[in-house]
Amino acid sequence: MDETIYKRSGQGQEIKKGAQKTFKLRFKNRVVNVTKTIYIGRGTHNDIVLDTDLLVSRKHAVIEHTDESFTIQDLGSTNKTYVNGNPLREKEVKVLKNGDVVKIGNTEFNFGGKAPLRW
């Protein structure tokens, strides 16, 4: 079965115009602009679907844009969400910075604006 990496979904909320610049998620030779709330997980209802990775929960994590920053939150996953090698506690909200590496299951996401790929 092919892995669905990114799909557009009506679940995301559009970010207010004029807010902090758009950042990018880079993973598996793909780039996704973070311009809304993005849900990541194995379930087909997510915006980024990692459906062939059994280490990923159905609803694993969410990346959100606030007026001031971009944040990530683990949604109670079994195998944790990692930022720069450190596991997030369940429901912990972590502010993402340019160059951060997020690991969900076997997938690493590089987070940042114009930063080059780190792999």
PDB file of N, CA and C in Angstrom:
ATOM      1  N   MET A   1       0.846  -1.167   0.000  1.00  0.00           N
ATOM      2  CA  MET A   1       0.000   0.000   0.000  1.00  0.00           C
ATOM      3  C   MET A   1       0.894   1.234   0.000  1.00  0.00           C
ATOM      4  N   ASP A   2       0.590   2.214  -0.842  1.00  0.00           N
ATOM      5  CA  ASP A   2       1.336   3.462  -0.870  1.00  0.00           C
ATOM      6  C   ASP A   2       1.008   4.294   0.357  1.00  0.00           C
ATOM      7  N   GLU A   3       1.969   5.087   0.766  1.00  0.00           N
ATOM      8  CA  GLU A   3       1.773   5.953   1.912  1.00  0.00           C
ATOM      9  C   GLU A   3       1.262   7.307   1.428  1.00  0.00           C
ATOM     10  N   THR A   4       0.159   7.746   1.998  1.00  0.00           N
ATOM     11  CA  THR A   4      -0.367   9.055   1.673  1.00  0.00           C
ATOM     12  C   THR A   4       0.373  10.050   2.548  1.00  0.00           C
ATOM     13  N   ILE A   5       1.059  11.000   1.934  1.00  0.00           N
ATOM     14  CA  ILE A   5       1.879  11.914   2.707  1.00  0.00           C
ATOM     15  C   ILE A   5       1.135  13.186   3.075  1.00  0.00           C
ATOM     16  N   TYR A   6       0.487  13.814   2.138  1.00  0.00           N
ATOM     17  CA  TYR A   6      -0.184  15.087   2.435  1.00  0.00           C
ATOM     18  C   TYR A   6      -1.454  15.174   1.625  1.00  0.00           C
ATOM     19  N   LYS A   7      -2.512  15.574   2.259  1.00  0.00           N
ATOM     20  CA  LYS A   7      -3.748  15.809   1.527  1.00  0.00           C
ATOM     21  C   LYS A   7      -4.382  17.061   2.084  1.00  0.00           C
ATOM     22  N   ARG A   8      -5.120  17.730   1.271  1.00  0.00           N
ATOM     23  CA  ARG A   8      -5.795  18.942   1.730  1.00  0.00           C
ATOM     24  C   ARG A   8      -7.065  18.533   2.461  1.00  0.00           C
ATOM     25  N   SER A   9      -7.369  19.252   3.491  1.00  0.00           N
ATOM     26  CA  SER A   9      -8.502  18.903   4.322  1.00  0.00           C
ATOM     27  C   SER A   9      -9.243  20.164   4.739  1.00  0.00           C
ATOM     28  N   GLY A  10     -10.522  20.058   4.885  1.00  0.00           N
ATOM     29  CA  GLY A  10     -11.322  21.173   5.363  1.00  0.00           C
ATOM     30  C   GLY A  10     -11.199  21.390   6.851  1.00  0.00           C
ATOM     31  N   GLN A  11     -10.462  20.512   7.559  1.00  0.00           N
ATOM     32  CA  GLN A  11     -10.358  20.629   9.006  1.00  0.00           C
ATOM     33  C   GLN A  11      -9.478  21.780   9.452  1.00  0.00           C
ATOM     34  N   GLY A  12      -8.514  22.168   8.629  1.00  0.00           N
ATOM     35  CA  GLY A  12      -7.555  23.193   9.035  1.00  0.00           C
ATOM     36  C   GLY A  12      -8.185  24.572   9.099  1.00  0.00           C
ATOM     37  N   GLN A  13      -7.644  25.389   9.950  1.00  0.00           N
ATOM     38  CA  GLN A  13      -8.110  26.764  10.050  1.00  0.00           C
ATOM     39  C   GLN A  13      -7.093  27.645   9.346  1.00  0.00           C
ATOM     40  N   GLU A  14      -7.571  28.561   8.530  1.00  0.00           N
ATOM     41  CA  GLU A  14      -6.682  29.463   7.828  1.00  0.00           C
ATOM     42  C   GLU A  14      -6.025  30.414   8.821  1.00  0.00           C
ATOM     43  N   ILE A  15      -4.769  30.692   8.600  1.00  0.00           N
ATOM     44  CA  ILE A  15      -4.030  31.611   9.459  1.00  0.00           C
ATOM     45  C   ILE A  15      -4.383  33.039   9.069  1.00  0.00           C
ATOM     46  N   LYS A  16      -4.483  33.877  10.070  1.00  0.00           N
ATOM     47  CA  LYS A  16      -4.817  35.273   9.814  1.00  0.00           C
ATOM     48  C   LYS A  16      -3.771  35.916   8.914  1.00  0.00           C
ATOM     49  N   LYS A  17      -4.230  36.718   7.981  1.00  0.00           N
ATOM     50  CA  LYS A  17      -3.319  37.448   7.104  1.00  0.00           C
ATOM     51  C   LYS A  17      -2.529  38.436   7.941  1.00  0.00           C
ATOM     52  N   GLY A  18      -1.259  38.598   7.607  1.00  0.00           N
ATOM     53  CA  GLY A  18      -0.410  39.525   8.323  1.00  0.00           C
ATOM     54  C   GLY A  18       0.249  38.918   9.544  1.00  0.00           C
ATOM     55  N   ALA A  19      -0.045  37.677   9.868  1.00  0.00           N
ATOM     56  CA  ALA A  19       0.590  37.021  11.004  1.00  0.00           C
ATOM     57  C   ALA A  19       2.011  36.642  10.634  1.00  0.00           C
ATOM     58  N   GLN A  20       2.712  36.013  11.560  1.00  0.00           N
ATOM     59  CA  GLN A  20       4.093  35.626  11.335  1.00  0.00           C
ATOM     60  C   GLN A  20       4.233  34.887  10.013  1.00  0.00           C
ATOM     61  N   LYS A  21       5.402  34.999   9.382  1.00  0.00           N
ATOM     62  CA  LYS A  21       5.619  34.411   8.072  1.00  0.00           C
ATOM     63  C   LYS A  21       5.327  32.914   8.057  1.00  0.00           C
ATOM     64  N   THR A  22       5.068  32.413   6.891  1.00  0.00           N
ATOM     65  CA  THR A  22       4.799  31.000   6.704  1.00  0.00           C
ATOM     66  C   THR A  22       6.086  30.210   6.887  1.00  0.00           C
ATOM     67  N   PHE A  23       5.979  29.065   7.526  1.00  0.00           N
ATOM     68  CA  PHE A  23       7.117  28.167   7.655  1.00  0.00           C
ATOM     69  C   PHE A  23       6.843  26.918   6.844  1.00  0.00           C
ATOM     70  N   LYS A  24       7.842  26.105   6.686  1.00  0.00           N
ATOM     71  CA  LYS A  24       7.738  24.897   5.878  1.00  0.00           C
ATOM     72  C   LYS A  24       8.086  23.670   6.706  1.00  0.00           C
ATOM     73  N   LEU A  25       7.417  22.572   6.389  1.00  0.00           N
ATOM     74  CA  LEU A  25       7.786  21.258   6.905  1.00  0.00           C
ATOM     75  C   LEU A  25       8.430  20.517   5.751  1.00  0.00           C
ATOM     76  N   ARG A  26       9.628  20.007   5.958  1.00  0.00           N
ATOM     77  CA  ARG A  26      10.323  19.251   4.920  1.00  0.00           C
ATOM     78  C   ARG A  26      10.460  17.819   5.406  1.00  0.00           C
ATOM     79  N   PHE A  27      10.020  16.878   4.562  1.00  0.00           N
ATOM     80  CA  PHE A  27      10.092  15.466   4.931  1.00  0.00           C
ATOM     81  C   PHE A  27       9.955  14.616   3.678  1.00  0.00           C
ATOM     82  N   LYS A  28      10.679  13.523   3.668  1.00  0.00           N
ATOM     83  CA  LYS A  28      10.614  12.555   2.568  1.00  0.00           C
ATOM     84  C   LYS A  28      10.651  13.236   1.207  1.00  0.00           C
ATOM     85  N   ASN A  29      11.590  14.154   1.031  1.00  0.00           N
ATOM     86  CA  ASN A  29      11.767  14.892  -0.219  1.00  0.00           C
ATOM     87  C   ASN A  29      10.534  15.697  -0.620  1.00  0.00           C
ATOM     88  N   ARG A  30       9.730  16.096   0.352  1.00  0.00           N
ATOM     89  CA  ARG A  30       8.551  16.914   0.096  1.00  0.00           C
ATOM     90  C   ARG A  30       8.617  18.165   0.962  1.00  0.00           C
ATOM     91  N   VAL A  31       7.921  19.186   0.551  1.00  0.00           N
ATOM     92  CA  VAL A  31       7.839  20.424   1.318  1.00  0.00           C
ATOM     93  C   VAL A  31       6.369  20.808   1.423  1.00  0.00           C
ATOM     94  N   VAL A  32       5.914  21.086   2.644  1.00  0.00           N
ATOM     95  CA  VAL A  32       4.542  21.509   2.892  1.00  0.00           C
ATOM     96  C   VAL A  32       4.592  22.868   3.570  1.00  0.00           C
ATOM     97  N   ASN A  33       3.926  23.856   3.005  1.00  0.00           N
ATOM     98  CA  ASN A  33       3.815  25.161   3.655  1.00  0.00           C
ATOM     99  C   ASN A  33       2.852  25.044   4.822  1.00  0.00           C
ATOM    100  N   VAL A  34       3.263  25.553   5.968  1.00  0.00           N
ATOM    101  CA  VAL A  34       2.387  25.556   7.138  1.00  0.00           C
ATOM    102  C   VAL A  34       1.618  26.871   7.109  1.00  0.00           C
ATOM    103  N   THR A  35       0.380  26.795   6.645  1.00  0.00           N
ATOM    104  CA  THR A  35      -0.463  27.987   6.530  1.00  0.00           C
ATOM    105  C   THR A  35      -1.781  27.817   7.264  1.00  0.00           C
ATOM    106  N   LYS A  36      -1.893  26.745   8.028  1.00  0.00           N
ATOM    107  CA  LYS A  36      -3.119  26.467   8.765  1.00  0.00           C
ATOM    108  C   LYS A  36      -2.785  25.458   9.849  1.00  0.00           C
ATOM    109  N   THR A  37      -3.770  25.056  10.603  1.00  0.00           N
ATOM    110  CA  THR A  37      -3.597  23.977  11.560  1.00  0.00           C
ATOM    111  C   THR A  37      -3.445  22.677  10.779  1.00  0.00           C
ATOM    112  N   ILE A  38      -2.430  21.893  11.118  1.00  0.00           N
ATOM    113  CA  ILE A  38      -2.153  20.651  10.399  1.00  0.00           C
ATOM    114  C   ILE A  38      -2.152  19.490  11.391  1.00  0.00           C
ATOM    115  N   TYR A  39      -3.006  18.515  11.128  1.00  0.00           N
ATOM    116  CA  TYR A  39      -3.054  17.297  11.936  1.00  0.00           C
ATOM    117  C   TYR A  39      -2.214  16.221  11.243  1.00  0.00           C
ATOM    118  N   ILE A  40      -1.457  15.477  12.048  1.00  0.00           N
ATOM    119  CA  ILE A  40      -0.588  14.421  11.535  1.00  0.00           C
ATOM    120  C   ILE A  40      -0.959  13.120  12.231  1.00  0.00           C
ATOM    121  N   GLY A  41      -1.093  12.043  11.445  1.00  0.00           N
ATOM    122  CA  GLY A  41      -1.401  10.746  12.034  1.00  0.00           C
ATOM    123  C   GLY A  41      -1.596   9.690  10.971  1.00  0.00           C
ATOM    124  N   ARG A  42      -1.970   8.507  11.420  1.00  0.00           N
ATOM    125  CA  ARG A  42      -2.185   7.379  10.515  1.00  0.00           C
ATOM    126  C   ARG A  42      -3.584   7.368   9.925  1.00  0.00           C
ATOM    127  N   GLY A  43      -4.546   7.987  10.592  1.00  0.00           N
ATOM    128  CA  GLY A  43      -5.930   8.016  10.119  1.00  0.00           C
ATOM    129  C   GLY A  43      -6.098   8.896   8.892  1.00  0.00           C
ATOM    130  N   THR A  44      -7.020   8.512   8.035  1.00  0.00           N
ATOM    131  CA  THR A  44      -7.219   9.218   6.771  1.00  0.00           C
ATOM    132  C   THR A  44      -7.801  10.611   6.943  1.00  0.00           C
ATOM    133  N   HIS A  45      -8.297  10.955   8.111  1.00  0.00           N
ATOM    134  CA  HIS A  45      -8.879  12.272   8.364  1.00  0.00           C
ATOM    135  C   HIS A  45      -7.813  13.342   8.626  1.00  0.00           C
ATOM    136  N   ASN A  46      -6.544  12.962   8.749  1.00  0.00           N
ATOM    137  CA  ASN A  46      -5.458  13.909   9.016  1.00  0.00           C
ATOM    138  C   ASN A  46      -5.042  14.644   7.757  1.00  0.00           C
ATOM    139  N   ASP A  47      -4.360  15.777   7.932  1.00  0.00           N
ATOM    140  CA  ASP A  47      -3.839  16.538   6.801  1.00  0.00           C
ATOM    141  C   ASP A  47      -2.571  15.896   6.245  1.00  0.00           C
ATOM    142  N   ILE A  48      -1.713  15.404   7.135  1.00  0.00           N
ATOM    143  CA  ILE A  48      -0.548  14.615   6.730  1.00  0.00           C
ATOM    144  C   ILE A  48      -0.795  13.208   7.247  1.00  0.00           C
ATOM    145  N   VAL A  49      -0.941  12.276   6.326  1.00  0.00           N
ATOM    146  CA  VAL A  49      -1.299  10.899   6.664  1.00  0.00           C
ATOM    147  C   VAL A  49      -0.072  10.007   6.474  1.00  0.00           C
ATOM    148  N   LEU A  50       0.343   9.344   7.553  1.00  0.00           N
ATOM    149  CA  LEU A  50       1.462   8.402   7.525  1.00  0.00           C
ATOM    150  C   LEU A  50       0.888   7.014   7.775  1.00  0.00           C
ATOM    151  N   ASP A  51       0.149   6.514   6.788  1.00  0.00           N
ATOM    152  CA  ASP A  51      -0.679   5.326   7.011  1.00  0.00           C
ATOM    153  C   ASP A  51       0.049   3.992   6.944  1.00  0.00           C
ATOM    154  N   THR A  52       1.318   3.962   6.592  1.00  0.00           N
ATOM    155  CA  THR A  52       2.032   2.676   6.570  1.00  0.00           C
ATOM    156  C   THR A  52       2.986   2.531   7.752  1.00  0.00           C
ATOM    157  N   ASP A  53       3.033   3.513   8.628  1.00  0.00           N
ATOM    158  CA  ASP A  53       3.934   3.488   9.778  1.00  0.00           C
ATOM    159  C   ASP A  53       3.136   3.120  11.024  1.00  0.00           C
ATOM    160  N   LEU A  54       3.341   1.901  11.516  1.00  0.00           N
ATOM    161  CA  LEU A  54       2.581   1.427  12.669  1.00  0.00           C
ATOM    162  C   LEU A  54       3.008   2.083  13.980  1.00  0.00           C
ATOM    163  N   LEU A  55       4.094   2.873  13.965  1.00  0.00           N
ATOM    164  CA  LEU A  55       4.501   3.623  15.146  1.00  0.00           C
ATOM    165  C   LEU A  55       3.725   4.930  15.289  1.00  0.00           C
ATOM    166  N   VAL A  56       2.938   5.272  14.275  1.00  0.00           N
ATOM    167  CA  VAL A  56       2.158   6.501  14.269  1.00  0.00           C
ATOM    168  C   VAL A  56       0.731   6.191  14.706  1.00  0.00           C
ATOM    169  N   SER A  57       0.225   6.968  15.650  1.00  0.00           N
ATOM    170  CA  SER A  57      -1.153   6.799  16.110  1.00  0.00           C
ATOM    171  C   SER A  57      -2.124   7.367  15.076  1.00  0.00           C
ATOM    172  N   ARG A  58      -3.387   6.949  15.176  1.00  0.00           N
ATOM    173  CA  ARG A  58      -4.383   7.443  14.216  1.00  0.00           C
ATOM    174  C   ARG A  58      -4.465   8.964  14.222  1.00  0.00           C
ATOM    175  N   LYS A  59      -4.438   9.558  15.394  1.00  0.00           N
ATOM    176  CA  LYS A  59      -4.418  11.017  15.547  1.00  0.00           C
ATOM    177  C   LYS A  59      -3.224  11.315  16.451  1.00  0.00           C
ATOM    178  N   HIS A  60      -2.078  11.600  15.850  1.00  0.00           N
ATOM    179  CA  HIS A  60      -0.804  11.612  16.572  1.00  0.00           C
ATOM    180  C   HIS A  60      -0.432  12.991  17.116  1.00  0.00           C
ATOM    181  N   ALA A  61      -0.426  14.015  16.250  1.00  0.00           N
ATOM    182  CA  ALA A  61       0.042  15.337  16.670  1.00  0.00           C
ATOM    183  C   ALA A  61      -0.644  16.418  15.853  1.00  0.00           C
ATOM    184  N   VAL A  62      -0.532  17.660  16.341  1.00  0.00           N
ATOM    185  CA  VAL A  62      -1.084  18.801  15.626  1.00  0.00           C
ATOM    186  C   VAL A  62      -0.068  19.935  15.653  1.00  0.00           C
ATOM    187  N   ILE A  63       0.087  20.597  14.511  1.00  0.00           N
ATOM    188  CA  ILE A  63       0.905  21.803  14.414  1.00  0.00           C
ATOM    189  C   ILE A  63      -0.053  22.967  14.194  1.00  0.00           C
ATOM    190  N   GLU A  64       0.071  23.992  15.035  1.00  0.00           N
ATOM    191  CA  GLU A  64      -0.836  25.135  14.952  1.00  0.00           C
ATOM    192  C   GLU A  64      -0.051  26.426  14.857  1.00  0.00           C
ATOM    193  N   HIS A  65      -0.673  27.403  14.234  1.00  0.00           N
ATOM    194  CA  HIS A  65      -0.106  28.741  14.157  1.00  0.00           C
ATOM    195  C   HIS A  65      -0.905  29.639  15.076  1.00  0.00           C
ATOM    196  N   THR A  66      -0.194  30.335  15.966  1.00  0.00           N
ATOM    197  CA  THR A  66      -0.838  31.345  16.799  1.00  0.00           C
ATOM    198  C   THR A  66      -0.388  32.701  16.274  1.00  0.00           C
ATOM    199  N   ASP A  67      -0.842  33.766  16.897  1.00  0.00           N
ATOM    200  CA  ASP A  67      -0.435  35.102  16.463  1.00  0.00           C
ATOM    201  C   ASP A  67       1.076  35.293  16.559  1.00  0.00           C
ATOM    202  N   GLU A  68       1.702  34.604  17.488  1.00  0.00           N
ATOM    203  CA  GLU A  68       3.118  34.817  17.762  1.00  0.00           C
ATOM    204  C   GLU A  68       4.046  33.699  17.291  1.00  0.00           C
ATOM    205  N   SER A  69       3.546  32.490  17.128  1.00  0.00           N
ATOM    206  CA  SER A  69       4.465  31.375  16.885  1.00  0.00           C
ATOM    207  C   SER A  69       3.762  30.184  16.248  1.00  0.00           C
ATOM    208  N   PHE A  70       4.561  29.163  15.954  1.00  0.00           N
ATOM    209  CA  PHE A  70       4.066  27.866  15.524  1.00  0.00           C
ATOM    210  C   PHE A  70       4.310  26.899  16.664  1.00  0.00           C
ATOM    211  N   THR A  71       3.319  26.059  16.953  1.00  0.00           N
ATOM    212  CA  THR A  71       3.451  25.116  18.060  1.00  0.00           C
ATOM    213  C   THR A  71       3.116  23.705  17.585  1.00  0.00           C
ATOM    214  N   ILE A  72       3.621  22.725  18.338  1.00  0.00           N
ATOM    215  CA  ILE A  72       3.271  21.329  18.094  1.00  0.00           C
ATOM    216  C   ILE A  72       2.794  20.739  19.404  1.00  0.00           C
ATOM    217  N   GLN A  73       1.829  19.827  19.304  1.00  0.00           N
ATOM    218  CA  GLN A  73       1.281  19.163  20.479  1.00  0.00           C
ATOM    219  C   GLN A  73       1.079  17.695  20.156  1.00  0.00           C
ATOM    220  N   ASP A  74       1.539  16.830  21.056  1.00  0.00           N
ATOM    221  CA  ASP A  74       1.260  15.401  20.946  1.00  0.00           C
ATOM    222  C   ASP A  74      -0.164  15.180  21.436  1.00  0.00           C
ATOM    223  N   LEU A  75      -0.940  14.401  20.693  1.00  0.00           N
ATOM    224  CA  LEU A  75      -2.355  14.211  21.020  1.00  0.00           C
ATOM    225  C   LEU A  75      -2.616  12.903  21.760  1.00  0.00           C
ATOM    226  N   GLY A  76      -1.672  12.514  22.613  1.00  0.00           N
ATOM    227  CA  GLY A  76      -1.846  11.285  23.386  1.00  0.00           C
ATOM    228  C   GLY A  76      -1.420  10.046  22.630  1.00  0.00           C
ATOM    229  N   SER A  77      -0.456  10.198  21.744  1.00  0.00           N
ATOM    230  CA  SER A  77       0.003   9.070  20.933  1.00  0.00           C
ATOM    231  C   SER A  77       0.674   8.009  21.800  1.00  0.00           C
ATOM    232  N   THR A  78       0.719   6.791  21.292  1.00  0.00           N
ATOM    233  CA  THR A  78       1.362   5.695  21.998  1.00  0.00           C
ATOM    234  C   THR A  78       2.876   5.825  21.988  1.00  0.00           C
ATOM    235  N   ASN A  79       3.438   6.259  20.874  1.00  0.00           N
ATOM    236  CA  ASN A  79       4.893   6.257  20.705  1.00  0.00           C
ATOM    237  C   ASN A  79       5.527   7.635  20.722  1.00  0.00           C
ATOM    238  N   LYS A  80       4.838   8.634  21.215  1.00  0.00           N
ATOM    239  CA  LYS A  80       5.363   9.977  21.435  1.00  0.00           C
ATOM    240  C   LYS A  80       5.694  10.736  20.155  1.00  0.00           C
ATOM    241  N   THR A  81       5.794  12.036  20.309  1.00  0.00           N
ATOM    242  CA  THR A  81       6.280  12.967  19.299  1.00  0.00           C
ATOM    243  C   THR A  81       7.569  13.548  19.862  1.00  0.00           C
ATOM    244  N   TYR A  82       8.592  13.636  19.021  1.00  0.00           N
ATOM    245  CA  TYR A  82       9.895  14.113  19.475  1.00  0.00           C
ATOM    246  C   TYR A  82      10.241  15.418  18.772  1.00  0.00           C
ATOM    247  N   VAL A  83      10.787  16.363  19.529  1.00  0.00           N
ATOM    248  CA  VAL A  83      11.316  17.607  18.966  1.00  0.00           C
ATOM    249  C   VAL A  83      12.790  17.663  19.354  1.00  0.00           C
ATOM    250  N   ASN A  84      13.649  17.647  18.336  1.00  0.00           N
ATOM    251  CA  ASN A  84      15.102  17.654  18.544  1.00  0.00           C
ATOM    252  C   ASN A  84      15.540  16.523  19.470  1.00  0.00           C
ATOM    253  N   GLY A  85      14.907  15.364  19.315  1.00  0.00           N
ATOM    254  CA  GLY A  85      15.273  14.174  20.084  1.00  0.00           C
ATOM    255  C   GLY A  85      14.639  14.072  21.455  1.00  0.00           C
ATOM    256  N   ASN A  86      13.886  15.080  21.874  1.00  0.00           N
ATOM    257  CA  ASN A  86      13.248  15.076  23.193  1.00  0.00           C
ATOM    258  C   ASN A  86      11.758  14.788  23.059  1.00  0.00           C
ATOM    259  N   PRO A  87      11.256  13.789  23.822  1.00  0.00           N
ATOM    260  CA  PRO A  87       9.832  13.452  23.706  1.00  0.00           C
ATOM    261  C   PRO A  87       8.946  14.517  24.351  1.00  0.00           C
ATOM    262  N   LEU A  88       7.823  14.794  23.701  1.00  0.00           N
ATOM    263  CA  LEU A  88       6.819  15.678  24.281  1.00  0.00           C
ATOM    264  C   LEU A  88       5.937  14.861  25.216  1.00  0.00           C
ATOM    265  N   ARG A  89       5.558  15.462  26.330  1.00  0.00           N
ATOM    266  CA  ARG A  89       4.578  14.815  27.199  1.00  0.00           C
ATOM    267  C   ARG A  89       3.199  14.950  26.552  1.00  0.00           C
ATOM    268  N   GLU A  90       2.293  14.063  26.908  1.00  0.00           N
ATOM    269  CA  GLU A  90       0.939  14.134  26.367  1.00  0.00           C
ATOM    270  C   GLU A  90       0.340  15.506  26.638  1.00  0.00           C
ATOM    271  N   LYS A  91      -0.206  16.120  25.599  1.00  0.00           N
ATOM    272  CA  LYS A  91      -0.865  17.429  25.639  1.00  0.00           C
ATOM    273  C   LYS A  91       0.105  18.601  25.844  1.00  0.00           C
ATOM    274  N   GLU A  92       1.421  18.335  25.933  1.00  0.00           N
ATOM    275  CA  GLU A  92       2.393  19.425  26.048  1.00  0.00           C
ATOM    276  C   GLU A  92       2.419  20.216  24.737  1.00  0.00           C
ATOM    277  N   VAL A  93       2.445  21.528  24.842  1.00  0.00           N
ATOM    278  CA  VAL A  93       2.522  22.402  23.677  1.00  0.00           C
ATOM    279  C   VAL A  93       3.940  22.958  23.618  1.00  0.00           C
ATOM    280  N   LYS A  94       4.615  22.718  22.495  1.00  0.00           N
ATOM    281  CA  LYS A  94       6.002  23.153  22.317  1.00  0.00           C
ATOM    282  C   LYS A  94       6.071  24.142  21.174  1.00  0.00           C
ATOM    283  N   VAL A  95       6.719  25.282  21.401  1.00  0.00           N
ATOM    284  CA  VAL A  95       6.921  26.270  20.346  1.00  0.00           C
ATOM    285  C   VAL A  95       8.033  25.772  19.435  1.00  0.00           C
ATOM    286  N   LEU A  96       7.767  25.779  18.120  1.00  0.00           N
ATOM    287  CA  LEU A  96       8.757  25.341  17.145  1.00  0.00           C
ATOM    288  C   LEU A  96       9.593  26.524  16.683  1.00  0.00           C
ATOM    289  N   LYS A  97      10.887  26.254  16.491  1.00  0.00           N
ATOM    290  CA  LYS A  97      11.797  27.275  16.002  1.00  0.00           C
ATOM    291  C   LYS A  97      12.387  26.813  14.672  1.00  0.00           C
ATOM    292  N   ASN A  98      12.850  27.766  13.901  1.00  0.00           N
ATOM    293  CA  ASN A  98      13.487  27.476  12.625  1.00  0.00           C
ATOM    294  C   ASN A  98      14.622  26.469  12.849  1.00  0.00           C
ATOM    295  N   GLY A  99      14.595  25.377  12.104  1.00  0.00           N
ATOM    296  CA  GLY A  99      15.628  24.358  12.204  1.00  0.00           C
ATOM    297  C   GLY A  99      15.282  23.191  13.112  1.00  0.00           C
ATOM    298  N   ASP A 100      14.172  23.263  13.846  1.00  0.00           N
ATOM    299  CA  ASP A 100      13.784  22.144  14.708  1.00  0.00           C
ATOM    300  C   ASP A 100      13.503  20.902  13.878  1.00  0.00           C
ATOM    301  N   VAL A 101      13.808  19.743  14.461  1.00  0.00           N
ATOM    302  CA  VAL A 101      13.520  18.455  13.832  1.00  0.00           C
ATOM    303  C   VAL A 101      12.439  17.768  14.663  1.00  0.00           C
ATOM    304  N   VAL A 102      11.313  17.462  14.020  1.00  0.00           N
ATOM    305  CA  VAL A 102      10.201  16.767  14.662  1.00  0.00           C
ATOM    306  C   VAL A 102      10.191  15.342  14.140  1.00  0.00           C
ATOM    307  N   LYS A 103      10.120  14.372  15.053  1.00  0.00           N
ATOM    308  CA  LYS A 103      10.057  12.965  14.644  1.00  0.00           C
ATOM    309  C   LYS A 103       8.746  12.363  15.115  1.00  0.00           C
ATOM    310  N   ILE A 104       8.014  11.806  14.156  1.00  0.00           N
ATOM    311  CA  ILE A 104       6.759  11.107  14.425  1.00  0.00           C
ATOM    312  C   ILE A 104       6.884   9.744  13.777  1.00  0.00           C
ATOM    313  N   GLY A 105       6.874   8.701  14.589  1.00  0.00           N
ATOM    314  CA  GLY A 105       7.121   7.360  14.054  1.00  0.00           C
ATOM    315  C   GLY A 105       8.499   7.316  13.433  1.00  0.00           C
ATOM    316  N   ASN A 106       8.575   6.852  12.196  1.00  0.00           N
ATOM    317  CA  ASN A 106       9.848   6.780  11.483  1.00  0.00           C
ATOM    318  C   ASN A 106      10.094   7.987  10.583  1.00  0.00           C
ATOM    319  N   THR A 107       9.240   8.998  10.650  1.00  0.00           N
ATOM    320  CA  THR A 107       9.351  10.151   9.772  1.00  0.00           C
ATOM    321  C   THR A 107       9.918  11.343  10.520  1.00  0.00           C
ATOM    322  N   GLU A 108      10.942  11.968   9.935  1.00  0.00           N
ATOM    323  CA  GLU A 108      11.505  13.196  10.483  1.00  0.00           C
ATOM    324  C   GLU A 108      11.056  14.374   9.631  1.00  0.00           C
ATOM    325  N   PHE A 109      10.591  15.410  10.303  1.00  0.00           N
ATOM    326  CA  PHE A 109      10.168  16.647   9.667  1.00  0.00           C
ATOM    327  C   PHE A 109      11.164  17.733  10.065  1.00  0.00           C
ATOM    328  N   ASN A 110      11.656  18.486   9.103  1.00  0.00           N
ATOM    329  CA  ASN A 110      12.478  19.654   9.395  1.00  0.00           C
ATOM    330  C   ASN A 110      11.574  20.863   9.294  1.00  0.00           C
ATOM    331  N   PHE A 111      11.594  21.694  10.329  1.00  0.00           N
ATOM    332  CA  PHE A 111      10.693  22.834  10.418  1.00  0.00           C
ATOM    333  C   PHE A 111      11.481  24.115  10.215  1.00  0.00           C
ATOM    334  N   GLY A 112      11.014  24.964   9.309  1.00  0.00           N
ATOM    335  CA  GLY A 112      11.692  26.236   9.158  1.00  0.00           C
ATOM    336  C   GLY A 112      11.243  27.019   7.951  1.00  0.00           C
ATOM    337  N   GLY A 113      11.736  28.239   7.885  1.00  0.00           N
ATOM    338  CA  GLY A 113      11.437  29.139   6.782  1.00  0.00           C
ATOM    339  C   GLY A 113      12.268  28.791   5.573  1.00  0.00           C
ATOM    340  N   LYS A 114      13.346  29.525   5.372  1.00  0.00           N
ATOM    341  CA  LYS A 114      14.176  29.320   4.195  1.00  0.00           C
ATOM    342  C   LYS A 114      15.391  28.444   4.493  1.00  0.00           C
ATOM    343  N   ALA A 115      15.392  27.791   5.621  1.00  0.00           N
ATOM    344  CA  ALA A 115      16.534  26.954   5.996  1.00  0.00           C
ATOM    345  C   ALA A 115      16.680  25.798   5.018  1.00  0.00           C
ATOM    346  N   PRO A 116      17.906  25.402   4.700  1.00  0.00           N
ATOM    347  CA  PRO A 116      18.103  24.273   3.792  1.00  0.00           C
ATOM    348  C   PRO A 116      17.694  22.959   4.439  1.00  0.00           C
ATOM    349  N   LEU A 117      17.474  21.977   3.622  1.00  0.00           N
ATOM    350  CA  LEU A 117      17.172  20.639   4.145  1.00  0.00           C
ATOM    351  C   LEU A 117      18.321  20.176   5.007  1.00  0.00           C
ATOM    352  N   ARG A 118      18.029  19.490   6.093  1.00  0.00           N
ATOM    353  CA  ARG A 118      19.065  19.046   7.011  1.00  0.00           C
ATOM    354  C   ARG A 118      19.389  17.574   6.849  1.00  0.00           C
ATOM    355  N   TRP A 119      19.066  16.975   5.718  1.00  0.00           N
ATOM    356  CA  TRP A 119      19.442  15.584   5.507  1.00  0.00           C
ATOM    357  C   TRP A 119      20.115  15.408   4.186  1.00  0.00           C
TER     358      TRP A 119
END
